[in-house]
Amino acid sequence: MQGALTSMMQQYRRLGSSIPADTLLLFRLGDFYELLFEDAREAAGLLNVALTKRNAVPMRGVPYHATQSYVAKLIKAVAASRSAAP
């Protein structure tokens, strides 16, 4: 799959490998902050929003002007899921 990845997707993978595994990476791309791969799947589930795909790679973008709202929702959802965990 590495050959099918765009240079942005490859950069996302490199950056993602340098941060803690339980951290979601938001990557600024034009007017959006994008989440890719497993980050996109997790964020879509937490935010109850649809995934898109490019080259079979799951993606979820949020407009930069609404980022604070989405990040607040993610923090609240993650906190709730961790407090509910045994």
PDB file of N, CA and C in Angstrom:
ATOM      1  N   MET A   1       0.822  -1.195   0.000  1.00  0.00           N
ATOM      2  CA  MET A   1       0.000   0.000   0.000  1.00  0.00           C
ATOM      3  C   MET A   1       0.863   1.255   0.000  1.00  0.00           C
ATOM      4  N   GLN A   2       2.070   1.191   0.495  1.00  0.00           N
ATOM      5  CA  GLN A   2       2.933   2.372   0.600  1.00  0.00           C
ATOM      6  C   GLN A   2       3.090   3.054  -0.751  1.00  0.00           C
ATOM      7  N   GLY A   3       3.178   2.288  -1.856  1.00  0.00           N
ATOM      8  CA  GLY A   3       3.327   2.879  -3.171  1.00  0.00           C
ATOM      9  C   GLY A   3       2.101   3.675  -3.598  1.00  0.00           C
ATOM     10  N   ALA A   4       0.925   3.318  -3.096  1.00  0.00           N
ATOM     11  CA  ALA A   4      -0.318   3.995  -3.460  1.00  0.00           C
ATOM     12  C   ALA A   4      -0.554   5.253  -2.633  1.00  0.00           C
ATOM     13  N   LEU A   5       0.246   5.463  -1.619  1.00  0.00           N
ATOM     14  CA  LEU A   5       0.041   6.612  -0.741  1.00  0.00           C
ATOM     15  C   LEU A   5       0.613   7.878  -1.365  1.00  0.00           C
ATOM     16  N   THR A   6      -0.121   8.970  -1.224  1.00  0.00           N
ATOM     17  CA  THR A   6       0.393  10.259  -1.680  1.00  0.00           C
ATOM     18  C   THR A   6       1.523  10.701  -0.753  1.00  0.00           C
ATOM     19  N   SER A   7       2.260  11.711  -1.156  1.00  0.00           N
ATOM     20  CA  SER A   7       3.352  12.200  -0.304  1.00  0.00           C
ATOM     21  C   SER A   7       2.796  12.745   1.010  1.00  0.00           C
ATOM     22  N   MET A   8       1.609  13.362   0.978  1.00  0.00           N
ATOM     23  CA  MET A   8       0.984  13.857   2.211  1.00  0.00           C
ATOM     24  C   MET A   8       0.654  12.700   3.150  1.00  0.00           C
ATOM     25  N   MET A   9       0.130  11.615   2.594  1.00  0.00           N
ATOM     26  CA  MET A   9      -0.207  10.441   3.412  1.00  0.00           C
ATOM     27  C   MET A   9       1.054   9.816   4.009  1.00  0.00           C
ATOM     28  N   GLN A  10       2.116   9.779   3.242  1.00  0.00           N
ATOM     29  CA  GLN A  10       3.382   9.258   3.752  1.00  0.00           C
ATOM     30  C   GLN A  10       3.905  10.138   4.885  1.00  0.00           C
ATOM     31  N   GLN A  11       3.797  11.452   4.711  1.00  0.00           N
ATOM     32  CA  GLN A  11       4.225  12.374   5.768  1.00  0.00           C
ATOM     33  C   GLN A  11       3.366  12.187   7.012  1.00  0.00           C
ATOM     34  N   TYR A  12       2.058  11.993   6.840  1.00  0.00           N
ATOM     35  CA  TYR A  12       1.154  11.743   7.969  1.00  0.00           C
ATOM     36  C   TYR A  12       1.606  10.496   8.736  1.00  0.00           C
ATOM     37  N   ARG A  13       1.931   9.430   7.992  1.00  0.00           N
ATOM     38  CA  ARG A  13       2.414   8.194   8.635  1.00  0.00           C
ATOM     39  C   ARG A  13       3.685   8.457   9.442  1.00  0.00           C
ATOM     40  N   ARG A  14       4.639   9.179   8.844  1.00  0.00           N
ATOM     41  CA  ARG A  14       5.893   9.473   9.547  1.00  0.00           C
ATOM     42  C   ARG A  14       5.627  10.266  10.814  1.00  0.00           C
ATOM     43  N   LEU A  15       4.834  11.322  10.724  1.00  0.00           N
ATOM     44  CA  LEU A  15       4.521  12.136  11.908  1.00  0.00           C
ATOM     45  C   LEU A  15       3.769  11.312  12.946  1.00  0.00           C
ATOM     46  N   GLY A  16       2.811  10.518  12.495  1.00  0.00           N
ATOM     47  CA  GLY A  16       2.029   9.692  13.412  1.00  0.00           C
ATOM     48  C   GLY A  16       2.872   8.684  14.176  1.00  0.00           C
ATOM     49  N   SER A  17       3.929   8.206  13.530  1.00  0.00           N
ATOM     50  CA  SER A  17       4.789   7.222  14.210  1.00  0.00           C
ATOM     51  C   SER A  17       5.669   7.875  15.273  1.00  0.00           C
ATOM     52  N   SER A  18       5.733   9.208  15.291  1.00  0.00           N
ATOM     53  CA  SER A  18       6.601   9.905  16.246  1.00  0.00           C
ATOM     54  C   SER A  18       5.841  10.431  17.469  1.00  0.00           C
ATOM     55  N   ILE A  19       4.537  10.154  17.541  1.00  0.00           N
ATOM     56  CA  ILE A  19       3.733  10.620  18.678  1.00  0.00           C
ATOM     57  C   ILE A  19       3.138   9.419  19.395  1.00  0.00           C
ATOM     58  N   PRO A  20       2.670   9.588  20.637  1.00  0.00           N
ATOM     59  CA  PRO A  20       2.086   8.449  21.360  1.00  0.00           C
ATOM     60  C   PRO A  20       0.938   7.803  20.589  1.00  0.00           C
ATOM     61  N   ALA A  21       0.811   6.498  20.706  1.00  0.00           N
ATOM     62  CA  ALA A  21      -0.186   5.732  19.948  1.00  0.00           C
ATOM     63  C   ALA A  21      -1.618   6.143  20.250  1.00  0.00           C
ATOM     64  N   ASP A  22      -1.873   6.673  21.438  1.00  0.00           N
ATOM     65  CA  ASP A  22      -3.250   7.049  21.790  1.00  0.00           C
ATOM     66  C   ASP A  22      -3.556   8.515  21.473  1.00  0.00           C
ATOM     67  N   THR A  23      -2.776   9.115  20.580  1.00  0.00           N
ATOM     68  CA  THR A  23      -2.943  10.506  20.189  1.00  0.00           C
ATOM     69  C   THR A  23      -3.478  10.582  18.768  1.00  0.00           C
ATOM     70  N   LEU A  24      -4.496  11.414  18.550  1.00  0.00           N
ATOM     71  CA  LEU A  24      -5.009  11.643  17.202  1.00  0.00           C
ATOM     72  C   LEU A  24      -4.228  12.795  16.573  1.00  0.00           C
ATOM     73  N   LEU A  25      -3.804  12.600  15.340  1.00  0.00           N
ATOM     74  CA  LEU A  25      -3.034  13.611  14.617  1.00  0.00           C
ATOM     75  C   LEU A  25      -3.954  14.347  13.656  1.00  0.00           C
ATOM     76  N   LEU A  26      -4.058  15.664  13.808  1.00  0.00           N
ATOM     77  CA  LEU A  26      -4.799  16.512  12.877  1.00  0.00           C
ATOM     78  C   LEU A  26      -3.776  17.219  12.004  1.00  0.00           C
ATOM     79  N   PHE A  27      -3.921  17.070  10.709  1.00  0.00           N
ATOM     80  CA  PHE A  27      -2.939  17.528   9.730  1.00  0.00           C
ATOM     81  C   PHE A  27      -3.574  18.613   8.878  1.00  0.00           C
ATOM     82  N   ARG A  28      -3.053  19.844   8.925  1.00  0.00           N
ATOM     83  CA  ARG A  28      -3.630  20.959   8.167  1.00  0.00           C
ATOM     84  C   ARG A  28      -3.367  20.765   6.685  1.00  0.00           C
ATOM     85  N   LEU A  29      -4.449  20.789   5.923  1.00  0.00           N
ATOM     86  CA  LEU A  29      -4.370  20.621   4.479  1.00  0.00           C
ATOM     87  C   LEU A  29      -5.349  21.603   3.844  1.00  0.00           C
ATOM     88  N   GLY A  30      -4.844  22.737   3.411  1.00  0.00           N
ATOM     89  CA  GLY A  30      -5.723  23.767   2.858  1.00  0.00           C
ATOM     90  C   GLY A  30      -6.633  24.335   3.931  1.00  0.00           C
ATOM     91  N   ASP A  31      -7.920  24.300   3.682  1.00  0.00           N
ATOM     92  CA  ASP A  31      -8.910  24.834   4.622  1.00  0.00           C
ATOM     93  C   ASP A  31      -9.422  23.799   5.611  1.00  0.00           C
ATOM     94  N   PHE A  32      -8.769  22.637   5.687  1.00  0.00           N
ATOM     95  CA  PHE A  32      -9.227  21.562   6.553  1.00  0.00           C
ATOM     96  C   PHE A  32      -8.089  21.029   7.421  1.00  0.00           C
ATOM     97  N   TYR A  33      -8.468  20.462   8.543  1.00  0.00           N
ATOM     98  CA  TYR A  33      -7.583  19.611   9.327  1.00  0.00           C
ATOM     99  C   TYR A  33      -8.036  18.190   9.036  1.00  0.00           C
ATOM    100  N   GLU A  34      -7.139  17.368   8.542  1.00  0.00           N
ATOM    101  CA  GLU A  34      -7.460  16.001   8.146  1.00  0.00           C
ATOM    102  C   GLU A  34      -6.938  14.998   9.163  1.00  0.00           C
ATOM    103  N   LEU A  35      -7.706  13.946   9.339  1.00  0.00           N
ATOM    104  CA  LEU A  35      -7.263  12.765  10.071  1.00  0.00           C
ATOM    105  C   LEU A  35      -7.289  11.623   9.059  1.00  0.00           C
ATOM    106  N   LEU A  36      -6.284  10.764   9.099  1.00  0.00           N
ATOM    107  CA  LEU A  36      -6.176   9.671   8.135  1.00  0.00           C
ATOM    108  C   LEU A  36      -6.051   8.336   8.850  1.00  0.00           C
ATOM    109  N   PHE A  37      -6.233   7.281   8.103  1.00  0.00           N
ATOM    110  CA  PHE A  37      -6.031   5.913   8.559  1.00  0.00           C
ATOM    111  C   PHE A  37      -6.877   5.625   9.804  1.00  0.00           C
ATOM    112  N   GLU A  38      -6.274   5.016  10.806  1.00  0.00           N
ATOM    113  CA  GLU A  38      -7.012   4.663  12.027  1.00  0.00           C
ATOM    114  C   GLU A  38      -7.479   5.896  12.797  1.00  0.00           C
ATOM    115  N   ASP A  39      -6.732   6.988  12.720  1.00  0.00           N
ATOM    116  CA  ASP A  39      -7.173   8.228  13.374  1.00  0.00           C
ATOM    117  C   ASP A  39      -8.524   8.667  12.814  1.00  0.00           C
ATOM    118  N   ALA A  40      -8.685   8.558  11.484  1.00  0.00           N
ATOM    119  CA  ALA A  40      -9.946   8.942  10.844  1.00  0.00           C
ATOM    120  C   ALA A  40     -11.082   8.044  11.312  1.00  0.00           C
ATOM    121  N   ARG A  41     -10.829   6.743  11.372  1.00  0.00           N
ATOM    122  CA  ARG A  41     -11.868   5.805  11.838  1.00  0.00           C
ATOM    123  C   ARG A  41     -12.282   6.119  13.271  1.00  0.00           C
ATOM    124  N   GLU A  42     -11.295   6.327  14.130  1.00  0.00           N
ATOM    125  CA  GLU A  42     -11.603   6.607  15.533  1.00  0.00           C
ATOM    126  C   GLU A  42     -12.354   7.927  15.681  1.00  0.00           C
ATOM    127  N   ALA A  43     -11.890   8.963  15.017  1.00  0.00           N
ATOM    128  CA  ALA A  43     -12.543  10.269  15.114  1.00  0.00           C
ATOM    129  C   ALA A  43     -13.962  10.220  14.551  1.00  0.00           C
ATOM    130  N   ALA A  44     -14.154   9.524  13.446  1.00  0.00           N
ATOM    131  CA  ALA A  44     -15.490   9.423  12.852  1.00  0.00           C
ATOM    132  C   ALA A  44     -16.457   8.743  13.816  1.00  0.00           C
ATOM    133  N   GLY A  45     -15.981   7.709  14.491  1.00  0.00           N
ATOM    134  CA  GLY A  45     -16.824   7.038  15.472  1.00  0.00           C
ATOM    135  C   GLY A  45     -17.128   7.915  16.667  1.00  0.00           C
ATOM    136  N   LEU A  46     -16.140   8.629  17.146  1.00  0.00           N
ATOM    137  CA  LEU A  46     -16.331   9.502  18.307  1.00  0.00           C
ATOM    138  C   LEU A  46     -17.235  10.689  17.979  1.00  0.00           C
ATOM    139  N   LEU A  47     -17.133  11.203  16.756  1.00  0.00           N
ATOM    140  CA  LEU A  47     -17.904  12.377  16.360  1.00  0.00           C
ATOM    141  C   LEU A  47     -19.214  12.022  15.660  1.00  0.00           C
ATOM    142  N   ASN A  48     -19.400  10.725  15.376  1.00  0.00           N
ATOM    143  CA  ASN A  48     -20.596  10.259  14.669  1.00  0.00           C
ATOM    144  C   ASN A  48     -20.732  10.957  13.311  1.00  0.00           C
ATOM    145  N   VAL A  49     -19.638  10.953  12.544  1.00  0.00           N
ATOM    146  CA  VAL A  49     -19.622  11.537  11.207  1.00  0.00           C
ATOM    147  C   VAL A  49     -19.106  10.493  10.211  1.00  0.00           C
ATOM    148  N   ALA A  50     -19.365  10.725   8.934  1.00  0.00           N
ATOM    149  CA  ALA A  50     -18.979   9.783   7.883  1.00  0.00           C
ATOM    150  C   ALA A  50     -17.502   9.896   7.533  1.00  0.00           C
ATOM    151  N   LEU A  51     -16.958   8.781   7.062  1.00  0.00           N
ATOM    152  CA  LEU A  51     -15.594   8.746   6.542  1.00  0.00           C
ATOM    153  C   LEU A  51     -15.620   8.972   5.037  1.00  0.00           C
ATOM    154  N   THR A  52     -14.555   9.539   4.516  1.00  0.00           N
ATOM    155  CA  THR A  52     -14.324   9.556   3.080  1.00  0.00           C
ATOM    156  C   THR A  52     -13.082   8.715   2.830  1.00  0.00           C
ATOM    157  N   LYS A  53     -12.768   8.478   1.558  1.00  0.00           N
ATOM    158  CA  LYS A  53     -11.578   7.691   1.231  1.00  0.00           C
ATOM    159  C   LYS A  53     -10.880   8.286   0.031  1.00  0.00           C
ATOM    160  N   ARG A  54      -9.575   8.119   0.024  1.00  0.00           N
ATOM    161  CA  ARG A  54      -8.753   8.444  -1.140  1.00  0.00           C
ATOM    162  C   ARG A  54      -7.708   7.353  -1.262  1.00  0.00           C
ATOM    163  N   ASN A  55      -7.601   6.755  -2.428  1.00  0.00           N
ATOM    164  CA  ASN A  55      -6.692   5.618  -2.624  1.00  0.00           C
ATOM    165  C   ASN A  55      -6.933   4.547  -1.568  1.00  0.00           C
ATOM    166  N   ALA A  56      -8.203   4.328  -1.227  1.00  0.00           N
ATOM    167  CA  ALA A  56      -8.631   3.336  -0.233  1.00  0.00           C
ATOM    168  C   ALA A  56      -8.172   3.670   1.184  1.00  0.00           C
ATOM    169  N   VAL A  57      -7.708   4.883   1.422  1.00  0.00           N
ATOM    170  CA  VAL A  57      -7.270   5.319   2.748  1.00  0.00           C
ATOM    171  C   VAL A  57      -8.413   6.094   3.411  1.00  0.00           C
ATOM    172  N   PRO A  58      -8.866   5.673   4.595  1.00  0.00           N
ATOM    173  CA  PRO A  58      -9.914   6.422   5.292  1.00  0.00           C
ATOM    174  C   PRO A  58      -9.448   7.822   5.666  1.00  0.00           C
ATOM    175  N   MET A  59     -10.343   8.795   5.455  1.00  0.00           N
ATOM    176  CA  MET A  59     -10.030  10.189   5.771  1.00  0.00           C
ATOM    177  C   MET A  59     -11.245  10.826   6.444  1.00  0.00           C
ATOM    178  N   ARG A  60     -10.962  11.782   7.318  1.00  0.00           N
ATOM    179  CA  ARG A  60     -12.022  12.591   7.928  1.00  0.00           C
ATOM    180  C   ARG A  60     -11.460  13.985   8.093  1.00  0.00           C
ATOM    181  N   GLY A  61     -12.069  14.951   7.462  1.00  0.00           N
ATOM    182  CA  GLY A  61     -11.595  16.323   7.556  1.00  0.00           C
ATOM    183  C   GLY A  61     -12.586  17.211   8.278  1.00  0.00           C
ATOM    184  N   VAL A  62     -12.078  18.209   8.950  1.00  0.00           N
ATOM    185  CA  VAL A  62     -12.931  19.220   9.582  1.00  0.00           C
ATOM    186  C   VAL A  62     -12.444  20.591   9.122  1.00  0.00           C
ATOM    187  N   PRO A  63     -13.385  21.500   8.821  1.00  0.00           N
ATOM    188  CA  PRO A  63     -12.979  22.832   8.375  1.00  0.00           C
ATOM    189  C   PRO A  63     -12.152  23.538   9.444  1.00  0.00           C
ATOM    190  N   TYR A  64     -11.115  24.242   9.017  1.00  0.00           N
ATOM    191  CA  TYR A  64     -10.223  24.885   9.988  1.00  0.00           C
ATOM    192  C   TYR A  64     -10.974  25.849  10.898  1.00  0.00           C
ATOM    193  N   HIS A  65     -11.998  26.513  10.374  1.00  0.00           N
ATOM    194  CA  HIS A  65     -12.718  27.503  11.188  1.00  0.00           C
ATOM    195  C   HIS A  65     -13.605  26.851  12.248  1.00  0.00           C
ATOM    196  N   ALA A  66     -13.825  25.532  12.139  1.00  0.00           N
ATOM    197  CA  ALA A  66     -14.640  24.819  13.123  1.00  0.00           C
ATOM    198  C   ALA A  66     -13.806  23.870  13.976  1.00  0.00           C
ATOM    199  N   THR A  67     -12.489  23.963  13.859  1.00  0.00           N
ATOM    200  CA  THR A  67     -11.611  23.017  14.546  1.00  0.00           C
ATOM    201  C   THR A  67     -11.798  23.022  16.053  1.00  0.00           C
ATOM    202  N   GLN A  68     -11.930  24.193  16.668  1.00  0.00           N
ATOM    203  CA  GLN A  68     -12.088  24.248  18.132  1.00  0.00           C
ATOM    204  C   GLN A  68     -13.295  23.445  18.584  1.00  0.00           C
ATOM    205  N   SER A  69     -14.378  23.555  17.866  1.00  0.00           N
ATOM    206  CA  SER A  69     -15.592  22.824  18.211  1.00  0.00           C
ATOM    207  C   SER A  69     -15.382  21.319  18.100  1.00  0.00           C
ATOM    208  N   TYR A  70     -14.761  20.874  17.002  1.00  0.00           N
ATOM    209  CA  TYR A  70     -14.526  19.442  16.809  1.00  0.00           C
ATOM    210  C   TYR A  70     -13.531  18.890  17.815  1.00  0.00           C
ATOM    211  N   VAL A  71     -12.489  19.646  18.104  1.00  0.00           N
ATOM    212  CA  VAL A  71     -11.506  19.183  19.095  1.00  0.00           C
ATOM    213  C   VAL A  71     -12.152  19.077  20.469  1.00  0.00           C
ATOM    214  N   ALA A  72     -12.993  20.030  20.820  1.00  0.00           N
ATOM    215  CA  ALA A  72     -13.707  19.964  22.107  1.00  0.00           C
ATOM    216  C   ALA A  72     -14.582  18.716  22.167  1.00  0.00           C
ATOM    217  N   LYS A  73     -15.273  18.396  21.066  1.00  0.00           N
ATOM    218  CA  LYS A  73     -16.109  17.183  21.020  1.00  0.00           C
ATOM    219  C   LYS A  73     -15.258  15.930  21.159  1.00  0.00           C
ATOM    220  N   LEU A  74     -14.094  15.920  20.493  1.00  0.00           N
ATOM    221  CA  LEU A  74     -13.203  14.759  20.595  1.00  0.00           C
ATOM    222  C   LEU A  74     -12.707  14.571  22.023  1.00  0.00           C
ATOM    223  N   ILE A  75     -12.295  15.652  22.663  1.00  0.00           N
ATOM    224  CA  ILE A  75     -11.804  15.563  24.037  1.00  0.00           C
ATOM    225  C   ILE A  75     -12.899  15.038  24.956  1.00  0.00           C
ATOM    226  N   LYS A  76     -14.099  15.563  24.801  1.00  0.00           N
ATOM    227  CA  LYS A  76     -15.224  15.128  25.630  1.00  0.00           C
ATOM    228  C   LYS A  76     -15.550  13.649  25.384  1.00  0.00           C
ATOM    229  N   ALA A  77     -15.555  13.228  24.114  1.00  0.00           N
ATOM    230  CA  ALA A  77     -15.856  11.834  23.782  1.00  0.00           C
ATOM    231  C   ALA A  77     -14.785  10.878  24.297  1.00  0.00           C
ATOM    232  N   VAL A  78     -13.531  11.259  24.160  1.00  0.00           N
ATOM    233  CA  VAL A  78     -12.437  10.405  24.642  1.00  0.00           C
ATOM    234  C   VAL A  78     -12.482  10.306  26.166  1.00  0.00           C
ATOM    235  N   ALA A  79     -12.712  11.423  26.832  1.00  0.00           N
ATOM    236  CA  ALA A  79     -12.807  11.405  28.296  1.00  0.00           C
ATOM    237  C   ALA A  79     -13.953  10.508  28.755  1.00  0.00           C
ATOM    238  N   ALA A  80     -15.085  10.601  28.077  1.00  0.00           N
ATOM    239  CA  ALA A  80     -16.240   9.772  28.444  1.00  0.00           C
ATOM    240  C   ALA A  80     -15.957   8.292  28.196  1.00  0.00           C
ATOM    241  N   SER A  81     -15.303   7.971  27.083  1.00  0.00           N
ATOM    242  CA  SER A  81     -15.018   6.570  26.794  1.00  0.00           C
ATOM    243  C   SER A  81     -13.992   5.993  27.758  1.00  0.00           C
ATOM    244  N   ARG A  82     -13.037   6.805  28.183  1.00  0.00           N
ATOM    245  CA  ARG A  82     -12.034   6.313  29.133  1.00  0.00           C
ATOM    246  C   ARG A  82     -12.600   6.163  30.530  1.00  0.00           C
ATOM    247  N   SER A  83     -13.529   7.032  30.901  1.00  0.00           N
ATOM    248  CA  SER A  83     -14.123   6.915  32.242  1.00  0.00           C
ATOM    249  C   SER A  83     -15.083   5.728  32.307  1.00  0.00           C
ATOM    250  N   ALA A  84     -15.635   5.337  31.155  1.00  0.00           N
ATOM    251  CA  ALA A  84     -16.554   4.196  31.114  1.00  0.00           C
ATOM    252  C   ALA A  84     -15.805   2.861  31.037  1.00  0.00           C
ATOM    253  N   ALA A  85     -14.537   2.901  30.665  1.00  0.00           N
ATOM    254  CA  ALA A  85     -13.750   1.677  30.546  1.00  0.00           C
ATOM    255  C   ALA A  85     -13.510   1.052  31.913  1.00  0.00           C
ATOM    256  N   PRO A  86     -13.509  -0.285  31.960  1.00  0.00           N
ATOM    257  CA  PRO A  86     -13.297  -0.958  33.260  1.00  0.00           C
ATOM    258  C   PRO A  86     -11.914  -0.786  33.807  1.00  0.00           C
TER     259      PRO A  86
END
